[in-house]
C-alpha atoms as a PDB file:
ATOM      1  CA  MET A   1     100.649 142.974 126.865  1.00  0.00           C
ATOM      2  CA  ARG A   2     103.743 142.291 128.918  1.00  0.00           C
ATOM      3  CA  SER A   3     101.747 139.100 130.617  1.00  0.00           C
ATOM      4  CA  ASP A   4     101.426 137.824 127.365  1.00  0.00           C
ATOM      5  CA  SER A   5     104.797 138.164 126.173  1.00  0.00           C
ATOM      6  CA  ILE A   6     106.259 136.386 129.345  1.00  0.00           C
ATOM      7  CA  ARG A   7     103.542 133.296 129.028  1.00  0.00           C
ATOM      8  CA  ARG A   8     105.205 132.899 125.193  1.00  0.00           C
ATOM      9  CA  LYS A   9     108.160 133.069 126.664  1.00  0.00           C
ATOM     10  CA  PHE A  10     107.897 130.017 128.819  1.00  0.00           C
ATOM     11  CA  LYS A  11     105.641 128.599 126.077  1.00  0.00           C
ATOM     12  CA  LEU A  12     108.764 128.696 123.802  1.00  0.00           C
ATOM     13  CA  HIS A  13     111.615 127.747 125.927  1.00  0.00           C
ATOM     14  CA  GLU A  14     109.238 124.344 127.440  1.00  0.00           C
ATOM     15  CA  ASP A  15     108.787 123.587 123.782  1.00  0.00           C
ATOM     16  CA  GLN A  16     112.664 123.964 122.997  1.00  0.00           C
ATOM     17  CA  ARG A  17     113.187 121.719 125.946  1.00  0.00           C
ATOM     18  CA  ARG A  18     110.653 119.473 124.923  1.00  0.00           C
ATOM     19  CA  ALA A  19     111.582 119.056 121.115  1.00  0.00           C
ATOM     20  CA  SER A  20     115.283 118.825 122.369  1.00  0.00           C
ATOM     21  CA  GLU A  21     114.257 115.793 123.999  1.00  0.00           C
ATOM     22  CA  LEU A  22     112.256 113.789 120.838  1.00  0.00           C
ATOM     23  CA  PRO A  23     115.110 112.683 119.222  1.00  0.00           C
ATOM     24  CA  ARG A  24     116.100 110.730 122.341  1.00  0.00           C
ATOM     25  CA  LEU A  25     112.341 109.832 122.906  1.00  0.00           C
ATOM     26  CA  LEU A  26     111.698 108.986 119.562  1.00  0.00           C
ATOM     27  CA  GLN A  27     113.881 105.557 119.213  1.00  0.00           C
ATOM     28  CA  GLY A  28     113.947 103.790 115.872  1.00  0.00           C
ATOM     29  CA  LEU A  29     113.210 107.558 114.272  1.00  0.00           C
ATOM     30  CA  GLU A  30     116.471 109.719 113.582  1.00  0.00           C
ATOM     31  CA  VAL A  31     114.627 113.041 113.669  1.00  0.00           C
ATOM     32  CA  GLN A  32     116.520 115.673 111.110  1.00  0.00           C
ATOM     33  CA  GLY A  33     115.298 118.921 112.357  1.00  0.00           C
ATOM     34  CA  PHE A  34     111.994 120.417 112.998  1.00  0.00           C
ATOM     35  CA  VAL A  35     109.674 122.417 109.949  1.00  0.00           C
ATOM     36  CA  ARG A  36     106.959 124.988 110.808  1.00  0.00           C
ATOM     37  CA  ALA A  37     104.313 124.671 109.883  1.00  0.00           C
ATOM     38  CA  ASP A  38     104.461 127.272 106.834  1.00  0.00           C
ATOM     39  CA  GLU A  39     106.698 125.176 105.394  1.00  0.00           C
ATOM     40  CA  LEU A  40     104.189 122.615 104.596  1.00  0.00           C
ATOM     41  CA  PRO A  41     101.414 122.650 101.806  1.00  0.00           C
ATOM     42  CA  GLN A  42      98.194 124.702 104.224  1.00  0.00           C
ATOM     43  CA  GLN A  43      95.869 122.399 101.443  1.00  0.00           C
ATOM     44  CA  LEU A  44      97.358 119.363 103.107  1.00  0.00           C
ATOM     45  CA  LEU A  45      97.280 120.852 107.185  1.00  0.00           C
ATOM     46  CA  ASP A  46      93.306 121.989 106.354  1.00  0.00           C
ATOM     47  CA  THR A  47      92.381 118.527 105.043  1.00  0.00           C
ATOM     48  CA  LEU A  48      94.311 117.296 108.261  1.00  0.00           C
ATOM     49  CA  ALA A  49      92.461 119.537 110.349  1.00  0.00           C
ATOM     50  CA  ASN A  50      89.184 118.508 109.019  1.00  0.00           C
ATOM     51  CA  PHE A  51      89.839 114.971 109.507  1.00  0.00           C
ATOM     52  CA  ALA A  52      90.618 116.017 113.153  1.00  0.00           C
ATOM     53  CA  THR A  53      87.191 116.486 113.829  1.00  0.00           C
ATOM     54  CA  ALA A  54      86.054 113.192 112.743  1.00  0.00           C
ATOM     55  CA  THR A  55      83.372 114.288 110.868  1.00  0.00           C
ATOM     56  CA  ALA A  56      84.420 113.034 107.715  1.00  0.00           C
ATOM     57  CA  ALA A  57      84.122 109.308 106.933  1.00  0.00           C
ATOM     58  CA  PRO A  58      87.533 107.218 107.730  1.00  0.00           C
ATOM     59  CA  HIS A  59      89.582 105.568 105.388  1.00  0.00           C
ATOM     60  CA  GLN A  60      90.089 102.613 107.903  1.00  0.00           C
ATOM     61  CA  ARG A  61      88.879 101.781 111.238  1.00  0.00           C
ATOM     62  CA  ILE A  62      90.080  99.229 113.924  1.00  0.00           C
ATOM     63  CA  TYR A  63      88.913  98.625 117.327  1.00  0.00           C
ATOM     64  CA  ALA A  64      91.443 100.193 119.733  1.00  0.00           C
ATOM     65  CA  GLY A  65      91.853  96.718 122.170  1.00  0.00           C
ATOM     66  CA  THR A  66      93.354  94.862 118.852  1.00  0.00           C
ATOM     67  CA  ALA A  67      96.713  93.024 120.038  1.00  0.00           C
ATOM     68  CA  LYS A  68      99.355  95.288 119.095  1.00  0.00           C
ATOM     69  CA  PRO A  69     100.955  93.497 116.435  1.00  0.00           C
ATOM     70  CA  ARG A  70      97.301  93.854 114.407  1.00  0.00           C
ATOM     71  CA  ILE A  71      97.509  97.567 115.284  1.00  0.00           C
ATOM     72  CA  ASP A  72     100.964  98.022 114.087  1.00  0.00           C
ATOM     73  CA  GLU A  73      99.802  96.414 110.716  1.00  0.00           C
ATOM     74  CA  TRP A  74      96.742  98.558 110.420  1.00  0.00           C
ATOM     75  CA  HIS A  75      99.263 101.807 111.053  1.00  0.00           C
ATOM     76  CA  GLY A  76     101.704 100.605 108.004  1.00  0.00           C
ATOM     77  CA  ASP A  77      99.314  99.801 105.799  1.00  0.00           C
ATOM     78  CA  LEU A  78      97.565 103.468 106.490  1.00  0.00           C
ATOM     79  CA  LEU A  79     100.669 104.754 105.739  1.00  0.00           C
ATOM     80  CA  ARG A  80     102.062 102.647 102.833  1.00  0.00           C
ATOM     81  CA  ARG A  81      98.352 103.874 101.297  1.00  0.00           C
ATOM     82  CA  ALA A  82      99.281 107.191 101.315  1.00  0.00           C
ATOM     83  CA  GLY A  83     102.590 107.011 100.241  1.00  0.00           C
ATOM     84  CA  ILE A  84     104.460 107.913 103.114  1.00  0.00           C
ATOM     85  CA  ARG A  85     107.757 105.922 103.087  1.00  0.00           C
ATOM     86  CA  ASP A  86     111.111 105.938 105.339  1.00  0.00           C
ATOM     87  CA  ARG A  87     111.224 109.751 105.829  1.00  0.00           C
ATOM     88  CA  PHE A  88     108.327 112.035 106.612  1.00  0.00           C
ATOM     89  CA  PHE A  89     107.005 114.833 108.638  1.00  0.00           C
ATOM     90  CA  LEU A  90     105.326 114.223 111.888  1.00  0.00           C
ATOM     91  CA  ARG A  91     103.442 116.511 113.988  1.00  0.00           C
ATOM     92  CA  THR A  92     104.982 116.707 117.392  1.00  0.00           C
ATOM     93  CA  GLY A  93     101.841 119.061 119.416  1.00  0.00           C
ATOM     94  CA  LEU A  94     104.471 121.394 120.148  1.00  0.00           C
ATOM     95  CA  GLU A  95     103.301 125.152 119.185  1.00  0.00           C
ATOM     96  CA  TYR A  96     107.226 126.364 118.305  1.00  0.00           C
ATOM     97  CA  PHE A  97     108.368 122.648 116.911  1.00  0.00           C
ATOM     98  CA  PRO A  98     104.690 121.498 115.295  1.00  0.00           C
ATOM     99  CA  TRP A  99     106.665 119.409 112.649  1.00  0.00           C
ATOM    100  CA  ALA A 100     110.007 116.752 113.042  1.00  0.00           C
ATOM    101  CA  ASP A 101     111.785 115.459 110.655  1.00  0.00           C
ATOM    102  CA  CYS A 102     112.107 112.441 110.434  1.00  0.00           C
ATOM    103  CA  ARG A 103     114.097 109.351 108.913  1.00  0.00           C
ATOM    104  CA  VAL A 104     112.992 105.703 110.034  1.00  0.00           C
ATOM    105  CA  THR A 105     115.854 103.852 111.405  1.00  0.00           C
ATOM    106  CA  ASP A 106     114.281 100.399 112.749  1.00  0.00           C
ATOM    107  CA  GLU A 107     111.250  98.763 111.881  1.00  0.00           C
ATOM    108  CA  GLN A 108     110.107  99.252 115.761  1.00  0.00           C
ATOM    109  CA  TRP A 109     109.516 102.882 115.219  1.00  0.00           C
ATOM    110  CA  LEU A 110     106.250 103.359 115.426  1.00  0.00           C
ATOM    111  CA  ASP A 111     105.209 101.668 118.831  1.00  0.00           C
ATOM    112  CA  THR A 112     107.787 103.899 119.993  1.00  0.00           C
ATOM    113  CA  VAL A 113     105.668 106.765 118.445  1.00  0.00           C
ATOM    114  CA  ARG A 114     102.381 105.654 119.608  1.00  0.00           C
ATOM    115  CA  SER A 115     104.214 105.756 123.093  1.00  0.00           C
ATOM    116  CA  VAL A 116     105.440 108.886 123.460  1.00  0.00           C
ATOM    117  CA  LEU A 117     102.869 111.118 121.279  1.00  0.00           C
ATOM    118  CA  GLY A 118      99.467 108.579 121.579  1.00  0.00           C
ATOM    119  CA  GLN A 119      96.975 108.066 118.967  1.00  0.00           C
ATOM    120  CA  ASN A 120      96.330 110.789 117.134  1.00  0.00           C
ATOM    121  CA  LEU A 121      99.263 111.250 114.822  1.00  0.00           C
ATOM    122  CA  ALA A 122      99.508 113.376 111.664  1.00  0.00           C
ATOM    123  CA  PHE A 123     102.171 112.185 109.473  1.00  0.00           C
ATOM    124  CA  ILE A 124     102.860 114.257 105.865  1.00  0.00           C
ATOM    125  CA  ALA A 125     105.027 112.651 103.102  1.00  0.00           C
ATOM    126  CA  TYR A 126     108.103 113.874 102.627  1.00  0.00           C
ATOM    127  CA  ASP A 127     107.433 114.920  98.976  1.00  0.00           C
ATOM    128  CA  ARG A 128     104.520 117.424 101.021  1.00  0.00           C
ATOM    129  CA  GLY A 129     102.535 115.295  98.475  1.00  0.00           C
ATOM    130  CA  SER A 130      99.936 113.646 100.927  1.00  0.00           C
ATOM    131  CA  ALA A 131      99.266 112.626 104.155  1.00  0.00           C
ATOM    132  CA  ALA A 132      97.612 110.738 107.017  1.00  0.00           C
ATOM    133  CA  LEU A 133      95.838 110.801 110.232  1.00  0.00           C
ATOM    134  CA  THR A 134      94.952 108.338 112.978  1.00  0.00           C
ATOM    135  CA  LEU A 135      92.954 109.769 115.434  1.00  0.00           C
ATOM    136  CA  PRO A 136      91.117 107.669 118.358  1.00  0.00           C
ATOM    137  CA  VAL A 137      87.635 107.815 118.765  1.00  0.00           C
ATOM    138  CA  GLY A 138      85.550 105.822 121.632  1.00  0.00           C
ATOM    139  CA  HIS A 139      86.516 102.262 121.240  1.00  0.00           C
ATOM    140  CA  GLU A 140      87.940 102.872 117.604  1.00  0.00           C
ATOM    141  CA  LEU A 141      91.269 104.069 116.093  1.00  0.00           C
ATOM    142  CA  LEU A 142      90.154 106.160 112.610  1.00  0.00           C
ATOM    143  CA  GLY A 143      92.466 106.600 109.861  1.00  0.00           C
ATOM    144  CA  TYR A 144      92.500 109.398 107.246  1.00  0.00           C
ATOM    145  CA  LEU A 145      94.084 109.503 103.914  1.00  0.00           C
ATOM    146  CA  ALA A 146      95.027 112.995 101.952  1.00  0.00           C
ATOM    147  CA  VAL A 147      96.820 111.719  98.672  1.00  0.00           C
ATOM    148  CA  PRO A 148      96.723 113.710  95.272  1.00  0.00           C
ATOM    149  CA  VAL A 149      94.089 113.348  92.363  1.00  0.00           C
ATOM    150  CA  GLN A 150      95.164 111.818  89.620  1.00  0.00           C
ATOM    151  CA  GLY A 151      94.310 113.955  86.339  1.00  0.00           C
ATOM    152  CA  PRO A 152      95.436 113.637  82.471  1.00  0.00           C
ATOM    153  CA  GLY A 153      98.573 111.639  82.325  1.00  0.00           C
ATOM    154  CA  ASP A 154      98.953 110.676  85.979  1.00  0.00           C
ATOM    155  CA  VAL A 155     100.139 113.942  86.640  1.00  0.00           C
ATOM    156  CA  PRO A 156      98.984 114.721  90.588  1.00  0.00           C
ATOM    157  CA  THR A 157      97.191 118.057  90.729  1.00  0.00           C
ATOM    158  CA  ALA A 158      96.880 120.315  93.580  1.00  0.00           C
ATOM    159  CA  ALA A 159      93.054 119.046  95.049  1.00  0.00           C
ATOM    160  CA  LEU A 160      93.254 116.487  97.201  1.00  0.00           C
ATOM    161  CA  THR A 161      90.845 113.622  97.651  1.00  0.00           C
ATOM    162  CA  ALA A 162      90.156 110.364 100.100  1.00  0.00           C
ATOM    163  CA  THR A 163      90.067 108.463  97.447  1.00  0.00           C
ATOM    164  CA  GLU A 164      92.653 105.088  97.179  1.00  0.00           C
ATOM    165  CA  PRO A 165      96.016 106.310  96.191  1.00  0.00           C
ATOM    166  CA  ASP A 166      97.264 105.698  92.539  1.00  0.00           C
ATOM    167  CA  ASP A 167      99.944 103.132  92.500  1.00  0.00           C
ATOM    168  CA  SER A 168     102.462 105.504  91.297  1.00  0.00           C
ATOM    169  CA  ASP A 169     105.036 106.443  94.022  1.00  0.00           C
ATOM    170  CA  ASN A 170     106.174 110.084  94.400  1.00  0.00           C
ATOM    171  CA  ALA A 171     108.265 109.767  97.376  1.00  0.00           C
ATOM    172  CA  ASP A 172     111.236 109.909  95.636  1.00  0.00           C
ATOM    173  CA  HIS A 173     110.676 113.572  95.107  1.00  0.00           C
ATOM    174  CA  ALA A 174     111.990 115.016  98.115  1.00  0.00           C
ATOM    175  CA  THR A 175     112.479 118.744  98.647  1.00  0.00           C
ATOM    176  CA  GLU A 176     115.503 120.270 100.498  1.00  0.00           C
ATOM    177  CA  LEU A 177     114.092 121.999 103.860  1.00  0.00           C
ATOM    178  CA  LEU A 178     115.153 125.772 103.391  1.00  0.00           C
ATOM    179  CA  THR A 179     114.474 126.457 106.919  1.00  0.00           C
ATOM    180  CA  ARG A 180     115.670 124.464 109.941  1.00  0.00           C
ATOM    181  CA  ILE A 181     114.347 125.523 113.476  1.00  0.00           C
ATOM    182  CA  ASP A 182     117.056 124.334 116.302  1.00  0.00           C
ATOM    183  CA  PRO A 183     115.591 123.197 119.258  1.00  0.00           C
ATOM    184  CA  ASN A 184     118.931 123.424 121.350  1.00  0.00           C
ATOM    185  CA  ALA A 185     119.840 127.386 119.342  1.00  0.00           C
ATOM    186  CA  PRO A 186     120.016 130.047 122.352  1.00  0.00           C
ATOM    187  CA  LEU A 187     116.421 131.827 122.811  1.00  0.00           C
ATOM    188  CA  SER A 188     116.476 135.211 121.534  1.00  0.00           C
ATOM    189  CA  SER A 189     114.850 137.503 123.743  1.00  0.00           C
END
């Protein structure tokens, strides 16, 4: 048990170091802070995890060797379809700082994100109502969407669907983050 505790402390320290570097590395994005997975809708996280298995049919696909400007356009289209605009949550791949709260400051941000985090990317809209995932599989890049089902009167329901998103824009209904994780905070024992 003691070795597990020591291993977790080392992991926390390493994640803290890497999280503190992300704002510098992710040019074109302003990292507002980090959120824990339990601050995001579990249904969206489960949907993204299901998509990550690549067993579901993708909503978009593109040859991975396509020219970079076309890949940028493809990513942009996927994010627009998911209702992800200039503020969103970005999966970091870090255990203790799993999601970065990001705001776009430069149109070249996506290229930086791909160079820092790779092609396996997950995004959740700032209003926590939709998500997108990109996944490299073989010679292709697959794109997945999780968007709200529109019910009577176009009121989003809790269920998620893989269909085309409605044209209504829910991105203006941002919620305030109640908890922030500071990667620069001193470690506690």
